């Protein structure tokens, strides 16, 4: 019984080895010629080559940022009372000056009426006292009344003038309080969640806003840059306005463009970064407050930079290099890469325009390997 089990295990192992050999054979690199070269006897690799190109390439700072509303207003009642009417819906776009909420004005209307009555009463009293002072002036000249009586009449009239002025101020204050029962939008924007209902007792200056309005036609992009890049940013900013581009997190879709509008005045001791902000147009509402985005701040544009695809650049122990094709052989060429932008590598030194660079490196390719050019890409 044990012998039969052992035989079955051996057979299963042989089958697994056979399957592995079959998989390796079917998936081995297709760009290696299977036959030996008649000239040298080594493997010949079929490759595609490209020439370096000259392009105008941006010098950028790329960071992760977040979207902020350019203006955000908490709508808070300035008077207490019963909420009578809500004139908007959640998420609605509103215009500056639009009526949003109405608080029951009854108490405030009564206060205005009382203030008007007080003013009318005191104005009538003022009229009487002025007339009295005028009569005493003439009588004092004829010495029918004393000078003291005339002075007292004048003083009473002036005192009543102050009372009337106070009544007028009180009436104006009551009218202002009445106007607060109609709550209007101070800015144009988009309304958020409405935190109250009709019939609620509204408290003046509550910590919880009735609604928040965010202006979204323009938004701010908030991000931070490392302190060692601050000098470059300020240098290029003095030369002119710096542009920025906003992409989604995956960087496969540009959402907006704008310009730098703010550079912070302190370096964070915790992160070693400086806060900066850009302003972008958002007419199509592709950006929302709190959204995470990728920001590219363009410092300058390098004209006629030498560029190759990043795919061709290899990393070795001594730095970056590429494979050139010379005399039908792959030759390692050390290079210095200034930066990478999208899928392009900007070459600082090590290449010439006429160089033939292997675009994609076949598995097993080494310095001196024989190659056959299968195609060229510009």
Protein backbone atom coordinates (compact mmCIF):
# COMPACT_ATOMS: atom_id res chain seq x y z
CA UNK A 1 0.00 0.00 0.00
CA UNK A 2 2.81 2.38 0.89
CA UNK A 3 4.58 1.56 -2.40
CA UNK A 4 1.46 2.42 -4.43
CA UNK A 5 1.12 5.76 -2.62
CA UNK A 6 4.78 6.57 -3.31
CA UNK A 7 4.34 5.78 -7.01
CA UNK A 8 1.33 8.07 -7.24
CA UNK A 9 3.32 10.91 -5.65
CA UNK A 10 6.16 10.41 -8.13
CA UNK A 11 3.74 10.48 -11.05
CA UNK A 12 2.09 13.65 -9.75
CA UNK A 13 5.50 15.33 -9.34
CA UNK A 14 6.46 14.43 -12.91
CA UNK A 15 3.19 15.92 -14.19
CA UNK A 16 3.78 19.16 -12.26
CA UNK A 17 7.31 19.47 -13.66
CA UNK A 18 6.00 18.92 -17.17
CA UNK A 19 3.33 21.61 -16.70
CA UNK A 20 5.94 24.08 -15.38
CA UNK A 21 8.19 23.45 -18.38
CA UNK A 22 5.23 23.98 -20.72
CA UNK A 23 4.28 27.27 -19.04
CA UNK A 24 7.86 28.56 -19.20
CA UNK A 25 8.15 27.65 -22.87
CA UNK A 26 4.87 29.36 -23.78
CA UNK A 27 5.64 32.58 -21.85
CA UNK A 28 9.35 33.11 -22.52
CA UNK A 29 10.25 36.59 -23.93
CA UNK A 30 9.07 36.88 -27.52
CA UNK A 31 11.62 39.49 -28.52
CA UNK A 32 14.60 37.06 -28.22
CA UNK A 33 15.48 35.24 -31.39
CA UNK A 34 15.60 31.53 -30.70
CA UNK A 35 18.39 30.75 -33.04
CA UNK A 36 22.04 31.43 -32.64
CA UNK A 37 23.63 34.18 -34.67
CA UNK A 38 25.80 32.85 -37.47
CA UNK A 39 28.28 35.67 -36.84
CA UNK A 40 28.98 35.29 -33.16
CA UNK A 41 26.99 32.44 -31.81
CA UNK A 42 25.25 34.61 -29.10
CA UNK A 43 21.55 35.41 -28.61
CA UNK A 44 20.33 38.32 -30.79
CA UNK A 45 17.64 40.56 -29.26
CA UNK A 46 15.04 42.25 -31.41
CA UNK A 47 14.65 45.85 -30.10
CA UNK A 48 12.89 49.11 -30.85
CA UNK A 49 14.90 52.32 -30.68
CA UNK A 50 14.15 56.02 -30.29
CA UNK A 51 16.14 59.23 -30.70
CA UNK A 52 16.17 61.95 -28.00
CA UNK A 53 13.84 64.84 -28.74
CA UNK A 54 13.96 68.53 -27.92
CA UNK A 55 10.87 69.90 -26.19
CA UNK A 56 9.89 72.89 -24.10
CA UNK A 57 9.56 71.26 -20.67
CA UNK A 58 8.09 72.81 -17.52
CA UNK A 59 9.93 72.98 -14.22
CA UNK A 60 7.27 72.03 -11.69
CA UNK A 61 6.60 71.41 -8.02
CA UNK A 62 4.08 68.58 -7.66
CA UNK A 63 2.20 68.08 -4.39
CA UNK A 64 -1.04 66.70 -3.03
CA UNK A 65 -3.54 69.41 -2.11
CA UNK A 66 -7.13 70.01 -1.11
CA UNK A 67 -9.91 72.25 -2.38
CA UNK A 68 -11.28 75.16 -0.33
CA UNK A 69 -14.24 77.41 -1.05
CA UNK A 70 -13.08 80.91 -1.97
CA UNK A 71 -15.81 82.27 0.33
CA UNK A 72 -17.75 80.35 2.97
CA UNK A 73 -20.42 82.00 5.12
CA UNK A 74 -22.23 80.58 8.16
CA UNK A 75 -25.77 81.96 8.10
CA UNK A 76 -26.70 82.81 11.72
CA UNK A 77 -29.77 84.68 12.99
CA UNK A 78 -29.11 88.00 14.74
CA UNK A 79 -32.43 87.88 16.61
CA UNK A 80 -34.34 85.22 18.52
CA UNK A 81 -37.81 84.10 17.46
CA UNK A 82 -39.93 81.41 15.85
CA UNK A 83 -38.89 80.36 12.34
CA UNK A 84 -41.87 81.14 10.12
CA UNK A 85 -40.65 80.23 6.64
CA UNK A 86 -37.73 78.61 4.77
CA UNK A 87 -37.41 79.88 1.20
CA UNK A 88 -34.62 77.59 -0.09
CA UNK A 89 -33.89 73.88 -0.35
CA UNK A 90 -30.74 72.04 0.66
CA UNK A 91 -28.05 72.17 -2.02
CA UNK A 92 -29.73 75.00 -3.89
CA UNK A 93 -27.74 77.68 -5.67
CA UNK A 94 -28.51 81.12 -4.22
CA UNK A 95 -27.79 84.69 -5.24
CA UNK A 96 -26.52 87.51 -3.05
CA UNK A 97 -29.48 89.28 -1.44
CA UNK A 98 -31.87 86.34 -1.89
CA UNK A 99 -34.35 85.81 0.97
CA UNK A 100 -33.45 82.57 2.77
CA UNK A 101 -35.36 82.46 6.09
CA UNK A 102 -38.16 84.43 7.75
CA UNK A 103 -38.60 84.72 11.52
CA UNK A 104 -42.02 85.67 12.97
CA UNK A 105 -41.90 89.50 12.93
CA UNK A 106 -44.91 90.14 15.22
CA UNK A 107 -42.96 91.06 18.35
CA UNK A 108 -40.53 93.23 16.39
CA UNK A 109 -43.34 95.02 14.55
CA UNK A 110 -44.96 95.79 17.92
CA UNK A 111 -41.65 97.15 19.21
CA UNK A 112 -41.41 99.42 16.17
CA UNK A 113 -44.96 100.66 16.71
CA UNK A 114 -44.24 101.41 20.36
CA UNK A 115 -41.05 103.28 19.47
CA UNK A 116 -42.96 105.33 16.88
CA UNK A 117 -45.58 106.19 19.48
CA UNK A 118 -42.96 107.26 22.01
CA UNK A 119 -41.32 109.42 19.37
CA UNK A 120 -44.63 111.08 18.42
CA UNK A 121 -45.45 111.81 22.10
CA UNK A 122 -42.03 113.31 22.82
CA UNK A 123 -42.05 115.32 19.60
CA UNK A 124 -45.38 116.87 20.63
CA UNK A 125 -43.96 117.72 24.04
CA UNK A 126 -40.90 119.23 22.32
CA UNK A 127 -43.15 121.44 20.17
CA UNK A 128 -44.97 122.71 23.28
CA UNK A 129 -41.74 123.43 25.16
CA UNK A 130 -40.25 125.30 22.21
CA UNK A 131 -43.35 127.44 21.91
CA UNK A 132 -43.20 128.13 25.64
CA UNK A 133 -39.56 129.16 25.41
CA UNK A 134 -40.39 131.47 22.49
CA UNK A 135 -43.16 133.20 24.53
CA UNK A 136 -40.88 133.57 27.56
CA UNK A 137 -38.25 135.18 25.36
CA UNK A 138 -40.62 138.01 24.45
CA UNK A 139 -42.02 138.30 27.98
CA UNK A 140 -38.53 138.40 29.46
CA UNK A 141 -37.73 141.42 27.28
CA UNK A 142 -40.81 143.16 28.67
CA UNK A 143 -39.86 141.98 32.15
CA UNK A 144 -43.17 140.17 32.61
CA UNK A 145 -41.22 137.04 33.54
CA UNK A 146 -37.83 136.71 35.12
CA UNK A 147 -34.66 135.81 33.27
CA UNK A 148 -34.51 132.62 35.31
CA UNK A 149 -37.95 131.55 34.14
CA UNK A 150 -36.91 132.11 30.53
CA UNK A 151 -33.68 130.13 31.01
CA UNK A 152 -35.60 127.23 32.56
CA UNK A 153 -37.99 127.16 29.58
CA UNK A 154 -35.05 127.10 27.15
CA UNK A 155 -33.38 124.30 29.14
CA UNK A 156 -36.57 122.25 29.16
CA UNK A 157 -36.86 122.57 25.38
CA UNK A 158 -33.25 121.50 24.84
CA UNK A 159 -33.68 118.57 27.25
CA UNK A 160 -36.72 117.45 25.30
CA UNK A 161 -34.72 117.68 22.05
CA UNK A 162 -32.32 115.11 23.53
CA UNK A 163 -35.28 112.88 24.47
CA UNK A 164 -36.59 113.06 20.88
CA UNK A 165 -33.13 112.23 19.49
CA UNK A 166 -32.98 109.19 21.78
CA UNK A 167 -36.46 108.15 20.60
CA UNK A 168 -35.36 108.42 16.97
CA UNK A 169 -32.31 106.24 17.67
CA UNK A 170 -34.47 103.72 19.50
CA UNK A 171 -36.93 103.62 16.60
CA UNK A 172 -34.07 103.04 14.15
CA UNK A 173 -32.74 100.22 16.32
CA UNK A 174 -36.15 98.55 16.44
CA UNK A 175 -36.44 98.81 12.65
CA UNK A 176 -33.03 97.15 12.32
CA UNK A 177 -34.15 94.36 14.65
CA UNK A 178 -37.27 93.94 12.52
CA UNK A 179 -35.15 93.72 9.34
CA UNK A 180 -33.18 90.87 10.93
CA UNK A 181 -36.31 88.72 10.83
CA UNK A 182 -35.68 88.41 7.08
CA UNK A 183 -32.38 86.58 6.62
CA UNK A 184 -30.80 87.09 3.20
CA UNK A 185 -27.77 85.58 1.46
CA UNK A 186 -24.66 87.80 1.79
CA UNK A 187 -22.93 86.05 -1.13
CA UNK A 188 -23.82 84.00 -4.19
CA UNK A 189 -23.04 80.31 -3.89
CA UNK A 190 -24.36 76.88 -3.07
CA UNK A 191 -26.34 76.17 0.09
CA UNK A 192 -25.45 73.17 2.22
CA UNK A 193 -27.48 71.27 4.80
CA UNK A 194 -30.34 73.24 6.39
CA UNK A 195 -30.11 72.69 10.14
CA UNK A 196 -33.55 74.05 11.16
CA UNK A 197 -37.25 73.48 10.48
CA UNK A 198 -40.27 75.74 10.27
CA UNK A 199 -41.58 76.28 13.79
CA UNK A 200 -38.22 75.97 15.52
CA UNK A 201 -37.29 78.58 18.11
CA UNK A 202 -34.26 80.31 16.68
CA UNK A 203 -31.67 81.71 19.09
CA UNK A 204 -29.67 84.79 18.19
CA UNK A 205 -25.98 84.18 17.43
CA UNK A 206 -26.28 80.42 17.85
CA UNK A 207 -23.13 78.32 17.45
CA UNK A 208 -24.97 76.12 14.92
CA UNK A 209 -25.60 77.96 11.63
CA UNK A 210 -28.96 77.79 9.90
CA UNK A 211 -27.09 76.86 6.72
CA UNK A 212 -23.62 77.30 5.22
CA UNK A 213 -23.16 78.92 1.80
CA UNK A 214 -20.02 78.19 -0.19
CA UNK A 215 -18.98 80.16 -3.24
CA UNK A 216 -17.85 77.63 -5.86
CA UNK A 217 -17.41 79.52 -9.15
CA UNK A 218 -13.81 80.08 -8.03
CA UNK A 219 -12.06 77.89 -5.45
CA UNK A 220 -8.75 77.86 -3.63
CA UNK A 221 -6.27 74.99 -3.80
CA UNK A 222 -4.41 74.56 -0.54
CA UNK A 223 -1.13 72.62 -0.47
CA UNK A 224 2.31 72.62 1.15
CA UNK A 225 5.78 72.68 -0.40
CA UNK A 226 9.06 71.54 1.20
CA UNK A 227 11.12 74.35 2.70
CA UNK A 228 14.08 73.58 0.42
CA UNK A 229 11.90 74.55 -2.60
CA UNK A 230 10.77 77.85 -1.12
CA UNK A 231 13.76 79.81 -2.46
CA UNK A 232 13.09 78.67 -6.04
CA UNK A 233 9.40 79.47 -5.70
CA UNK A 234 10.06 83.01 -4.47
CA UNK A 235 12.71 83.60 -7.13
CA UNK A 236 10.40 82.63 -9.98
CA UNK A 237 7.44 84.43 -8.36
CA UNK A 238 9.35 87.72 -8.47
CA UNK A 239 9.67 87.24 -12.23
CA UNK A 240 5.90 86.99 -12.71
CA UNK A 241 2.68 85.22 -11.78
CA UNK A 242 3.10 81.48 -11.33
CA UNK A 243 0.59 79.21 -13.03
CA UNK A 244 -0.69 75.95 -11.61
CA UNK A 245 -2.60 72.94 -12.91
CA UNK A 246 -4.99 70.83 -10.87
CA UNK A 247 -5.41 67.10 -11.58
CA UNK A 248 -7.36 64.32 -9.94
CA UNK A 249 -5.45 62.09 -7.51
CA UNK A 250 -4.60 59.58 -10.26
CA UNK A 251 -3.20 62.43 -12.42
CA UNK A 252 -5.02 61.14 -15.48
CA UNK A 253 -7.44 64.08 -15.77
CA UNK A 254 -6.76 67.80 -15.60
CA UNK A 255 -9.58 69.50 -13.70
CA UNK A 256 -8.64 73.18 -13.71
CA UNK A 257 -5.90 75.76 -14.21
CA UNK A 258 -5.17 78.90 -12.24
CA UNK A 259 -2.44 80.89 -10.54
CA UNK A 260 -0.61 81.12 -7.23
CA UNK A 261 -2.18 83.72 -4.91
CA UNK A 262 -0.71 83.05 -1.45
CA UNK A 263 2.60 82.00 0.11
CA UNK A 264 2.69 81.49 3.87
CA UNK A 265 5.03 83.44 6.13
CA UNK A 266 6.19 80.56 8.35
CA UNK A 267 7.77 77.13 7.96
CA UNK A 268 6.02 74.44 9.97
CA UNK A 269 8.36 73.06 12.62
CA UNK A 270 6.49 69.75 12.52
CA UNK A 271 6.55 69.11 8.76
CA UNK A 272 9.26 71.43 7.40
CA UNK A 273 6.81 72.76 4.80
CA UNK A 274 5.29 76.10 3.80
CA UNK A 275 1.60 76.56 3.09
CA UNK A 276 0.69 77.98 -0.32
CA UNK A 277 -2.60 78.50 -2.13
CA UNK A 278 -3.70 78.85 -5.72
CA UNK A 279 -6.95 80.19 -7.15
CA UNK A 280 -8.70 78.45 -10.06
CA UNK A 281 -11.91 78.96 -12.01
CA UNK A 282 -14.55 76.33 -11.30
CA UNK A 283 -17.43 77.24 -13.60
CA UNK A 284 -18.19 73.58 -14.38
CA UNK A 285 -18.11 72.66 -10.64
CA UNK A 286 -15.54 69.91 -11.15
CA UNK A 287 -13.94 70.82 -7.80
CA UNK A 288 -15.60 70.63 -4.38
CA UNK A 289 -14.41 71.85 -0.97
CA UNK A 290 -12.52 69.10 0.83
CA UNK A 291 -11.65 67.22 -2.38
CA UNK A 292 -8.10 65.85 -2.63
CA UNK A 293 -6.24 66.78 -5.81
CA UNK A 294 -2.76 66.71 -7.32
CA UNK A 295 -1.26 70.16 -7.89
CA UNK A 296 1.44 71.05 -10.39
CA UNK A 297 2.94 74.47 -9.72
CA UNK A 298 4.80 75.61 -12.85
CA UNK A 299 7.88 77.63 -11.89
CA UNK A 300 9.23 78.13 -15.42
CA UNK A 301 9.55 76.41 -18.79
CA UNK A 302 12.89 75.09 -20.02
CA UNK A 303 13.12 75.63 -23.81
CA UNK A 304 14.40 72.86 -26.11
CA UNK A 305 15.16 70.42 -23.32
CA UNK A 306 16.57 67.00 -24.30
CA UNK A 307 13.87 64.42 -23.56
CA UNK A 308 13.48 60.64 -23.76
CA UNK A 309 10.72 58.32 -22.50
CA UNK A 310 11.09 57.45 -18.83
CA UNK A 311 10.59 53.81 -19.85
CA UNK A 312 14.08 53.75 -21.36
CA UNK A 313 15.85 54.97 -18.22
CA UNK A 314 17.44 52.27 -16.03
CA UNK A 315 18.77 52.58 -12.50
CA UNK A 316 22.12 51.08 -11.57
CA UNK A 317 24.47 51.19 -8.61
CA UNK A 318 26.29 54.15 -10.12
CA UNK A 319 23.19 56.05 -11.21
CA UNK A 320 20.91 56.23 -14.23
CA UNK A 321 21.80 54.78 -17.61
CA UNK A 322 20.29 53.80 -20.96
CA UNK A 323 21.17 51.22 -23.61
CA UNK A 324 22.40 52.59 -26.91
CA UNK A 325 22.67 50.62 -30.14
CA UNK A 326 26.20 50.77 -31.61
CA UNK A 327 27.47 48.38 -34.28
CA UNK A 328 24.49 46.07 -33.69
CA UNK A 329 25.31 45.78 -30.01
CA UNK A 330 23.71 47.11 -26.84
CA UNK A 331 26.02 49.55 -25.06
CA UNK A 332 25.42 51.02 -21.60
CA UNK A 333 25.47 54.82 -21.57
CA UNK A 334 25.47 56.61 -18.17
CA UNK A 335 23.17 59.63 -18.09
CA UNK A 336 22.11 62.37 -15.69
CA UNK A 337 18.35 62.89 -15.36
CA UNK A 338 17.28 66.39 -14.35
CA UNK A 339 13.64 65.51 -13.63
CA UNK A 340 10.67 63.53 -14.90
CA UNK A 341 7.47 65.10 -16.20
CA UNK A 342 4.61 62.71 -16.92
CA UNK A 343 6.22 59.91 -18.95
CA UNK A 344 9.23 61.93 -20.11
CA UNK A 345 12.69 62.15 -18.58
CA UNK A 346 14.61 65.40 -19.03
CA UNK A 347 18.28 64.58 -19.69
CA UNK A 348 20.88 66.90 -18.23
CA UNK A 349 23.91 65.19 -19.78
CA UNK A 350 25.06 61.95 -21.38
CA UNK A 351 23.07 61.89 -24.65
CA UNK A 352 23.12 63.39 -28.13
CA UNK A 353 20.24 63.88 -30.58
CA UNK A 354 21.63 61.25 -32.95
CA UNK A 355 21.89 58.51 -30.32
CA UNK A 356 19.79 55.40 -30.87
CA UNK A 357 18.30 54.42 -27.52
CA UNK A 358 16.60 51.10 -26.85
CA UNK A 359 13.02 51.93 -25.92
CA UNK A 360 12.05 48.81 -23.97
CA UNK A 361 14.73 46.63 -22.40
CA UNK A 362 14.36 42.92 -23.23
CA UNK A 363 14.82 40.43 -20.41
CA UNK A 364 18.40 39.23 -20.28
CA UNK A 365 19.89 42.17 -22.22
CA UNK A 366 23.37 43.11 -21.01
CA UNK A 367 26.17 45.39 -22.06
CA UNK A 368 27.55 44.03 -25.35
CA UNK A 369 24.54 41.87 -26.26
CA UNK A 370 23.83 41.54 -29.98
CA UNK A 371 20.69 43.37 -31.08
CA UNK A 372 18.60 43.72 -34.20
CA UNK A 373 16.59 46.93 -34.68
CA UNK A 374 12.99 45.99 -35.27
CA UNK A 375 11.49 49.48 -35.36
CA UNK A 376 12.18 53.15 -34.69
CA UNK A 377 9.99 55.63 -32.82
CA UNK A 378 10.23 59.40 -32.98
